[in-house]
Amino acid sequence: MRKHRSAALAAATLLLLTGAGIVTAPAAWAGVPGSTRADDRNCDFDGDGFDDVLVGAPGAAVGGQRGAGLVTVQYGSPDGIDTRAATVISQNTPGVPGGAEAGDGYDDAVIGAPGEDIGTVADAGMVTLLRGTARGLTGTGSASWTQNSPSVPGVVEKGDKFGGQVRLVDPDADGRFGLLTAAPGEDTGDGCVWVFSAGRGGLTATGSWTVNAGTFGGPALDARYGAAIDE
């Protein structure tokens, strides 16, 4: 990729949620547990009809690694948020990352880790999909992608920060949520956004494609395209 300016980029040791965004996808089909609908905008990971709360802790230590990062899930109940029962997920959680699976009617979550080092490449970034189940959010059946993953355009580079922004979107209202994920550091600051589709088998990188400011006739140089994404 083109390198048109130099920058001092500190090597990151963060493993998860380094300044990352967290987004959730509603269950895709009507009539599933919890009475979720295709147009729901909630976070009901265990399908009991009560919204749950997902919180990122990017500075948390995991397994003695300072700043590794984790997420916690607190579950809703008839009496509100149940602070006694929570799920804690990090990159040490069994099944993270893993293989994608078909949609099952439970809300899923996507987490960006823009400070993830890929091999010796600092701050290359990664995106992870976590699955909702009848017992709540879990690492089992999760999936993750980098720019080195099959079918993902590009290649990992220092400072790309892939996963700096993540959004699950359903622009055609078919109940299947695709993914927008940005690497604002791509091409030393030009920035780029990846588009992943979702079919009956769930979210997939197959057929994924990219856009940047130049795609729409805008000035691409140092644009940091994708540094902010809204719906």
C-alpha atoms as a PDB file:
ATOM      1  CA  MET A   1       0.000   0.000   0.000  1.00  0.00           C
ATOM      2  CA  ARG A   2       1.180   3.587  -0.649  1.00  0.00           C
ATOM      3  CA  LYS A   3       3.125   5.339   2.097  1.00  0.00           C
ATOM      4  CA  HIS A   4       2.944   9.079   1.442  1.00  0.00           C
ATOM      5  CA  ARG A   5       3.897  10.411   4.867  1.00  0.00           C
ATOM      6  CA  SER A   6       5.737   9.117   7.900  1.00  0.00           C
ATOM      7  CA  ALA A   7       4.353   8.847  11.402  1.00  0.00           C
ATOM      8  CA  ALA A   8       5.608   7.508  14.693  1.00  0.00           C
ATOM      9  CA  LEU A   9       3.179   4.779  15.700  1.00  0.00           C
ATOM     10  CA  ALA A  10       3.660   3.170  19.104  1.00  0.00           C
ATOM     11  CA  ALA A  11       3.453  -0.611  19.169  1.00  0.00           C
ATOM     12  CA  ALA A  12       0.248  -1.625  20.945  1.00  0.00           C
ATOM     13  CA  THR A  13      -0.052  -4.564  23.310  1.00  0.00           C
ATOM     14  CA  LEU A  14      -3.832  -4.325  23.674  1.00  0.00           C
ATOM     15  CA  LEU A  15      -5.606  -7.525  22.745  1.00  0.00           C
ATOM     16  CA  LEU A  16      -9.264  -6.542  22.776  1.00  0.00           C
ATOM     17  CA  LEU A  17     -11.344  -3.382  22.594  1.00  0.00           C
ATOM     18  CA  THR A  18      -8.536  -0.883  22.217  1.00  0.00           C
ATOM     19  CA  GLY A  19     -10.713   2.182  21.834  1.00  0.00           C
ATOM     20  CA  ALA A  20     -13.127  -0.134  20.095  1.00  0.00           C
ATOM     21  CA  GLY A  21     -16.748   0.286  19.280  1.00  0.00           C
ATOM     22  CA  ILE A  22     -19.334  -2.317  20.260  1.00  0.00           C
ATOM     23  CA  VAL A  23     -22.495  -2.931  18.299  1.00  0.00           C
ATOM     24  CA  THR A  24     -25.229  -5.527  18.433  1.00  0.00           C
ATOM     25  CA  ALA A  25     -27.527  -7.078  15.869  1.00  0.00           C
ATOM     26  CA  PRO A  26     -31.168  -7.836  16.623  1.00  0.00           C
ATOM     27  CA  ALA A  27     -32.434 -11.364  16.114  1.00  0.00           C
ATOM     28  CA  ALA A  28     -33.239 -11.802  12.459  1.00  0.00           C
ATOM     29  CA  TRP A  29     -36.550 -13.642  12.516  1.00  0.00           C
ATOM     30  CA  ALA A  30     -39.924 -13.172  14.134  1.00  0.00           C
ATOM     31  CA  GLY A  31     -41.328 -15.821  16.458  1.00  0.00           C
ATOM     32  CA  VAL A  32     -38.061 -16.639  18.190  1.00  0.00           C
ATOM     33  CA  PRO A  33     -37.500 -16.734  21.976  1.00  0.00           C
ATOM     34  CA  GLY A  34     -38.062 -13.416  23.689  1.00  0.00           C
ATOM     35  CA  SER A  35     -40.517 -12.283  21.007  1.00  0.00           C
ATOM     36  CA  THR A  36     -37.818 -10.365  19.138  1.00  0.00           C
ATOM     37  CA  ARG A  37     -38.740  -9.018  15.716  1.00  0.00           C
ATOM     38  CA  ALA A  38     -36.752  -8.446  12.554  1.00  0.00           C
ATOM     39  CA  ASP A  39     -36.759  -4.693  13.216  1.00  0.00           C
ATOM     40  CA  ASP A  40     -35.863  -4.817  16.921  1.00  0.00           C
ATOM     41  CA  ARG A  41     -32.954  -2.590  17.965  1.00  0.00           C
ATOM     42  CA  ASN A  42     -32.330  -4.221  21.340  1.00  0.00           C
ATOM     43  CA  CYS A  43     -29.625  -6.332  22.973  1.00  0.00           C
ATOM     44  CA  ASP A  44     -31.362  -9.463  24.234  1.00  0.00           C
ATOM     45  CA  PHE A  45     -28.502 -11.962  24.126  1.00  0.00           C
ATOM     46  CA  ASP A  46     -30.282 -14.725  26.059  1.00  0.00           C
ATOM     47  CA  GLY A  47     -33.636 -14.344  24.291  1.00  0.00           C
ATOM     48  CA  ASP A  48     -35.727 -13.916  27.448  1.00  0.00           C
ATOM     49  CA  GLY A  49     -37.475 -10.725  26.315  1.00  0.00           C
ATOM     50  CA  PHE A  50     -35.443  -8.403  28.547  1.00  0.00           C
ATOM     51  CA  ASP A  51     -32.683  -6.173  27.169  1.00  0.00           C
ATOM     52  CA  ASP A  52     -29.148  -6.860  28.366  1.00  0.00           C
ATOM     53  CA  VAL A  53     -26.228  -4.444  28.841  1.00  0.00           C
ATOM     54  CA  LEU A  54     -22.889  -4.931  27.064  1.00  0.00           C
ATOM     55  CA  VAL A  55     -19.945  -2.851  28.354  1.00  0.00           C
ATOM     56  CA  GLY A  56     -16.369  -2.723  27.103  1.00  0.00           C
ATOM     57  CA  ALA A  57     -13.398  -2.415  29.458  1.00  0.00           C
ATOM     58  CA  PRO A  58     -10.445  -1.707  27.138  1.00  0.00           C
ATOM     59  CA  GLY A  59      -7.954  -1.199  29.944  1.00  0.00           C
ATOM     60  CA  ALA A  60      -8.736  -4.350  31.920  1.00  0.00           C
ATOM     61  CA  ALA A  61      -5.959  -6.831  32.688  1.00  0.00           C
ATOM     62  CA  VAL A  62      -6.552 -10.401  31.528  1.00  0.00           C
ATOM     63  CA  GLY A  63      -4.312 -13.293  32.529  1.00  0.00           C
ATOM     64  CA  GLY A  64      -1.731 -10.886  33.880  1.00  0.00           C
ATOM     65  CA  GLN A  65      -1.654  -8.866  30.641  1.00  0.00           C
ATOM     66  CA  ARG A  66      -2.298  -5.211  31.457  1.00  0.00           C
ATOM     67  CA  GLY A  67      -4.624  -3.443  29.045  1.00  0.00           C
ATOM     68  CA  ALA A  68      -5.698  -6.669  27.347  1.00  0.00           C
ATOM     69  CA  GLY A  69      -9.346  -5.632  27.532  1.00  0.00           C
ATOM     70  CA  LEU A  70     -12.624  -7.452  28.036  1.00  0.00           C
ATOM     71  CA  VAL A  71     -16.384  -7.027  27.792  1.00  0.00           C
ATOM     72  CA  THR A  72     -19.035  -7.714  30.411  1.00  0.00           C
ATOM     73  CA  VAL A  73     -22.680  -8.587  29.877  1.00  0.00           C
ATOM     74  CA  GLN A  74     -25.284  -7.940  32.576  1.00  0.00           C
ATOM     75  CA  TYR A  75     -28.667  -9.495  31.942  1.00  0.00           C
ATOM     76  CA  GLY A  76     -32.080  -7.894  32.143  1.00  0.00           C
ATOM     77  CA  SER A  77     -34.889  -9.282  34.306  1.00  0.00           C
ATOM     78  CA  PRO A  78     -38.416  -8.319  35.445  1.00  0.00           C
ATOM     79  CA  ASP A  79     -36.714  -6.311  38.205  1.00  0.00           C
ATOM     80  CA  GLY A  80     -34.209  -4.573  35.937  1.00  0.00           C
ATOM     81  CA  ILE A  81     -30.535  -5.292  35.397  1.00  0.00           C
ATOM     82  CA  ASP A  82     -29.393  -8.315  37.385  1.00  0.00           C
ATOM     83  CA  THR A  83     -26.033  -7.292  38.848  1.00  0.00           C
ATOM     84  CA  ARG A  84     -25.510 -10.742  40.377  1.00  0.00           C
ATOM     85  CA  ALA A  85     -25.312 -12.601  37.064  1.00  0.00           C
ATOM     86  CA  ALA A  86     -22.829 -11.396  34.478  1.00  0.00           C
ATOM     87  CA  THR A  87     -20.751 -12.833  31.659  1.00  0.00           C
ATOM     88  CA  VAL A  88     -17.143 -11.731  31.192  1.00  0.00           C
ATOM     89  CA  ILE A  89     -15.563 -12.303  27.764  1.00  0.00           C
ATOM     90  CA  SER A  90     -11.990 -11.681  26.664  1.00  0.00           C
ATOM     91  CA  GLN A  91      -9.643 -13.196  24.124  1.00  0.00           C
ATOM     92  CA  ASN A  92      -8.868 -15.857  26.731  1.00  0.00           C
ATOM     93  CA  THR A  93     -12.498 -17.022  26.645  1.00  0.00           C
ATOM     94  CA  PRO A  94     -12.837 -20.488  25.059  1.00  0.00           C
ATOM     95  CA  GLY A  95     -14.072 -20.230  21.476  1.00  0.00           C
ATOM     96  CA  VAL A  96     -12.843 -16.673  20.834  1.00  0.00           C
ATOM     97  CA  PRO A  97     -12.167 -16.548  17.938  1.00  0.00           C
ATOM     98  CA  GLY A  98     -13.935 -19.442  16.224  1.00  0.00           C
ATOM     99  CA  GLY A  99     -16.109 -20.347  13.258  1.00  0.00           C
ATOM    100  CA  ALA A 100     -19.295 -18.632  12.150  1.00  0.00           C
ATOM    101  CA  GLU A 101     -22.646 -20.377  12.462  1.00  0.00           C
ATOM    102  CA  ALA A 102     -26.143 -19.944  11.117  1.00  0.00           C
ATOM    103  CA  GLY A 103     -28.543 -17.413  12.603  1.00  0.00           C
ATOM    104  CA  ASP A 104     -30.487 -18.784  15.568  1.00  0.00           C
ATOM    105  CA  GLY A 105     -32.774 -15.971  16.710  1.00  0.00           C
ATOM    106  CA  TYR A 106     -30.526 -14.586  19.460  1.00  0.00           C
ATOM    107  CA  ASP A 107     -28.876 -11.179  19.304  1.00  0.00           C
ATOM    108  CA  ASP A 108     -25.178 -11.185  18.417  1.00  0.00           C
ATOM    109  CA  ALA A 109     -22.449  -8.605  19.111  1.00  0.00           C
ATOM    110  CA  VAL A 110     -19.534  -7.318  17.035  1.00  0.00           C
ATOM    111  CA  ILE A 111     -16.442  -5.907  18.739  1.00  0.00           C
ATOM    112  CA  GLY A 112     -13.665  -3.952  17.074  1.00  0.00           C
ATOM    113  CA  ALA A 113     -10.085  -4.222  18.354  1.00  0.00           C
ATOM    114  CA  PRO A 114      -8.200  -1.575  16.358  1.00  0.00           C
ATOM    115  CA  GLY A 115      -5.108  -1.896  18.561  1.00  0.00           C
ATOM    116  CA  GLU A 116      -4.718  -5.633  17.961  1.00  0.00           C
ATOM    117  CA  ASP A 117      -1.229  -6.660  16.829  1.00  0.00           C
ATOM    118  CA  ILE A 118      -1.306  -9.239  14.028  1.00  0.00           C
ATOM    119  CA  GLY A 119       1.927 -11.165  14.358  1.00  0.00           C
ATOM    120  CA  THR A 120       4.621  -8.498  14.471  1.00  0.00           C
ATOM    121  CA  VAL A 121       2.435  -5.863  12.805  1.00  0.00           C
ATOM    122  CA  ALA A 122       1.444  -3.337  15.467  1.00  0.00           C
ATOM    123  CA  ASP A 123      -2.045  -1.826  15.606  1.00  0.00           C
ATOM    124  CA  ALA A 124      -3.211  -3.685  12.501  1.00  0.00           C
ATOM    125  CA  GLY A 125      -6.624  -4.368  14.068  1.00  0.00           C
ATOM    126  CA  MET A 126      -9.227  -7.121  14.196  1.00  0.00           C
ATOM    127  CA  VAL A 127     -13.013  -7.554  14.362  1.00  0.00           C
ATOM    128  CA  THR A 128     -14.742 -10.302  16.387  1.00  0.00           C
ATOM    129  CA  LEU A 129     -18.327 -11.569  16.221  1.00  0.00           C
ATOM    130  CA  LEU A 130     -19.764 -13.022  19.456  1.00  0.00           C
ATOM    131  CA  ARG A 131     -22.873 -15.197  19.477  1.00  0.00           C
ATOM    132  CA  GLY A 132     -26.008 -14.912  21.584  1.00  0.00           C
ATOM    133  CA  THR A 133     -27.498 -18.099  23.027  1.00  0.00           C
ATOM    134  CA  ALA A 134     -30.231 -19.170  25.445  1.00  0.00           C
ATOM    135  CA  ARG A 135     -27.617 -18.760  28.205  1.00  0.00           C
ATOM    136  CA  GLY A 136     -26.445 -15.344  27.053  1.00  0.00           C
ATOM    137  CA  LEU A 137     -23.516 -14.012  25.061  1.00  0.00           C
ATOM    138  CA  THR A 138     -20.721 -16.541  24.527  1.00  0.00           C
ATOM    139  CA  GLY A 139     -17.432 -17.036  22.734  1.00  0.00           C
ATOM    140  CA  THR A 140     -18.563 -20.420  21.404  1.00  0.00           C
ATOM    141  CA  GLY A 141     -19.097 -20.217  17.649  1.00  0.00           C
ATOM    142  CA  SER A 142     -17.542 -16.764  17.428  1.00  0.00           C
ATOM    143  CA  ALA A 143     -15.584 -15.546  14.418  1.00  0.00           C
ATOM    144  CA  SER A 144     -12.913 -12.934  13.818  1.00  0.00           C
ATOM    145  CA  TRP A 145     -11.436 -11.205  10.793  1.00  0.00           C
ATOM    146  CA  THR A 146      -8.339  -9.196   9.937  1.00  0.00           C
ATOM    147  CA  GLN A 147      -7.107  -7.890   6.616  1.00  0.00           C
ATOM    148  CA  ASN A 148      -5.204 -11.155   6.281  1.00  0.00           C
ATOM    149  CA  SER A 149      -8.384 -13.245   6.534  1.00  0.00           C
ATOM    150  CA  PRO A 150      -9.602 -15.080   3.427  1.00  0.00           C
ATOM    151  CA  SER A 151     -11.876 -12.956   1.217  1.00  0.00           C
ATOM    152  CA  VAL A 152     -11.059  -9.736   3.115  1.00  0.00           C
ATOM    153  CA  PRO A 153      -9.530  -7.165   0.721  1.00  0.00           C
ATOM    154  CA  GLY A 154      -6.142  -5.741   1.651  1.00  0.00           C
ATOM    155  CA  VAL A 155      -3.289  -6.836   3.886  1.00  0.00           C
ATOM    156  CA  VAL A 156      -2.442  -6.087   7.525  1.00  0.00           C
ATOM    157  CA  GLU A 157      -0.205  -3.051   7.983  1.00  0.00           C
ATOM    158  CA  LYS A 158       1.148  -1.140  10.938  1.00  0.00           C
ATOM    159  CA  GLY A 159      -1.327   1.435  12.224  1.00  0.00           C
ATOM    160  CA  ASP A 160      -4.281   0.523   9.967  1.00  0.00           C
ATOM    161  CA  LYS A 161      -6.535   0.119  13.058  1.00  0.00           C
ATOM    162  CA  PHE A 162      -8.972  -2.243  11.324  1.00  0.00           C
ATOM    163  CA  GLY A 163     -12.093  -2.334  13.517  1.00  0.00           C
ATOM    164  CA  GLY A 164     -11.733   1.308  14.602  1.00  0.00           C
ATOM    165  CA  GLN A 165     -15.452   1.635  13.921  1.00  0.00           C
ATOM    166  CA  VAL A 166     -17.992  -1.202  13.587  1.00  0.00           C
ATOM    167  CA  ARG A 167     -21.681  -1.101  12.729  1.00  0.00           C
ATOM    168  CA  LEU A 168     -24.199  -3.863  11.999  1.00  0.00           C
ATOM    169  CA  VAL A 169     -26.656  -2.605   9.398  1.00  0.00           C
ATOM    170  CA  ASP A 170     -29.662  -3.890   7.480  1.00  0.00           C
ATOM    171  CA  PRO A 171     -30.100  -1.374   4.629  1.00  0.00           C
ATOM    172  CA  ASP A 172     -32.500  -3.570   2.630  1.00  0.00           C
ATOM    173  CA  ALA A 173     -34.601  -4.502   5.703  1.00  0.00           C
ATOM    174  CA  ASP A 174     -34.420  -8.241   5.021  1.00  0.00           C
ATOM    175  CA  GLY A 175     -33.723  -9.043   8.674  1.00  0.00           C
ATOM    176  CA  ARG A 176     -30.101 -10.061   8.014  1.00  0.00           C
ATOM    177  CA  PHE A 177     -27.475  -7.690   9.350  1.00  0.00           C
ATOM    178  CA  GLY A 178     -24.285  -7.031   7.436  1.00  0.00           C
ATOM    179  CA  LEU A 179     -21.179  -5.391   8.865  1.00  0.00           C
ATOM    180  CA  LEU A 180     -19.434  -2.102   8.204  1.00  0.00           C
ATOM    181  CA  THR A 181     -15.942  -1.981   9.686  1.00  0.00           C
ATOM    182  CA  ALA A 182     -13.432   0.797   9.213  1.00  0.00           C
ATOM    183  CA  ALA A 183      -9.659   1.120   9.252  1.00  0.00           C
ATOM    184  CA  PRO A 184      -9.159   4.885   9.579  1.00  0.00           C
ATOM    185  CA  GLY A 185      -5.374   4.433   9.487  1.00  0.00           C
ATOM    186  CA  GLU A 186      -5.407   2.585   6.148  1.00  0.00           C
ATOM    187  CA  ASP A 187      -2.823   3.942   3.675  1.00  0.00           C
ATOM    188  CA  THR A 188      -1.237   6.013   6.460  1.00  0.00           C
ATOM    189  CA  GLY A 189      -4.364   7.963   7.203  1.00  0.00           C
ATOM    190  CA  ASP A 190      -6.488   7.892   4.060  1.00  0.00           C
ATOM    191  CA  GLY A 191      -8.903   5.431   5.699  1.00  0.00           C
ATOM    192  CA  CYS A 192     -11.202   2.767   4.290  1.00  0.00           C
ATOM    193  CA  VAL A 193     -14.465   0.968   5.130  1.00  0.00           C
ATOM    194  CA  TRP A 194     -15.158  -2.743   4.516  1.00  0.00           C
ATOM    195  CA  VAL A 195     -18.629  -4.070   3.761  1.00  0.00           C
ATOM    196  CA  PHE A 196     -19.448  -7.651   4.841  1.00  0.00           C
ATOM    197  CA  SER A 197     -22.722  -9.257   3.791  1.00  0.00           C
ATOM    198  CA  ALA A 198     -25.000 -11.594   5.726  1.00  0.00           C
ATOM    199  CA  GLY A 199     -26.979 -14.466   4.276  1.00  0.00           C
ATOM    200  CA  ARG A 200     -28.833 -17.433   5.705  1.00  0.00           C
ATOM    201  CA  GLY A 201     -25.545 -18.762   7.059  1.00  0.00           C
ATOM    202  CA  GLY A 202     -24.788 -15.570   8.991  1.00  0.00           C
ATOM    203  CA  LEU A 203     -22.177 -12.857   8.604  1.00  0.00           C
ATOM    204  CA  THR A 204     -19.461 -13.668   6.061  1.00  0.00           C
ATOM    205  CA  ALA A 205     -16.379 -12.074   4.526  1.00  0.00           C
ATOM    206  CA  THR A 206     -17.049 -13.831   1.224  1.00  0.00           C
ATOM    207  CA  GLY A 207     -17.738 -11.165  -1.384  1.00  0.00           C
ATOM    208  CA  SER A 208     -16.723  -8.345   0.962  1.00  0.00           C
ATOM    209  CA  TRP A 209     -15.653  -5.080  -0.630  1.00  0.00           C
ATOM    210  CA  THR A 210     -14.269  -1.659   0.305  1.00  0.00           C
ATOM    211  CA  VAL A 211     -15.062   2.030  -0.138  1.00  0.00           C
ATOM    212  CA  ASN A 212     -13.106   5.173   0.656  1.00  0.00           C
ATOM    213  CA  ALA A 213     -13.537   8.898   0.122  1.00  0.00           C
ATOM    214  CA  GLY A 214     -12.261   8.582  -3.435  1.00  0.00           C
ATOM    215  CA  THR A 215     -15.035   6.078  -4.241  1.00  0.00           C
ATOM    216  CA  PHE A 216     -17.507   8.955  -4.082  1.00  0.00           C
ATOM    217  CA  GLY A 217     -15.289  11.529  -5.756  1.00  0.00           C
ATOM    218  CA  GLY A 218     -14.033  13.077  -2.538  1.00  0.00           C
ATOM    219  CA  PRO A 219     -10.437  13.888  -1.588  1.00  0.00           C
ATOM    220  CA  ALA A 220      -8.934  10.676  -0.196  1.00  0.00           C
ATOM    221  CA  LEU A 221      -5.545  11.970   0.969  1.00  0.00           C
ATOM    222  CA  ASP A 222      -5.344  11.890   4.793  1.00  0.00           C
ATOM    223  CA  ALA A 223      -9.152  11.763   4.978  1.00  0.00           C
ATOM    224  CA  ARG A 224      -9.193   9.134   7.784  1.00  0.00           C
ATOM    225  CA  TYR A 225     -12.312   7.798   6.077  1.00  0.00           C
ATOM    226  CA  GLY A 226     -14.340   5.665   8.460  1.00  0.00           C
ATOM    227  CA  ALA A 227     -13.132   7.360  11.654  1.00  0.00           C
ATOM    228  CA  ALA A 228     -16.827   7.926  12.378  1.00  0.00           C
ATOM    229  CA  ILE A 229     -19.776   5.885  11.115  1.00  0.00           C
ATOM    230  CA  ASP A 230     -23.433   6.636  11.810  1.00  0.00           C
ATOM    231  CA  GLU A 231     -26.625   5.035  10.528  1.00  0.00           C
END
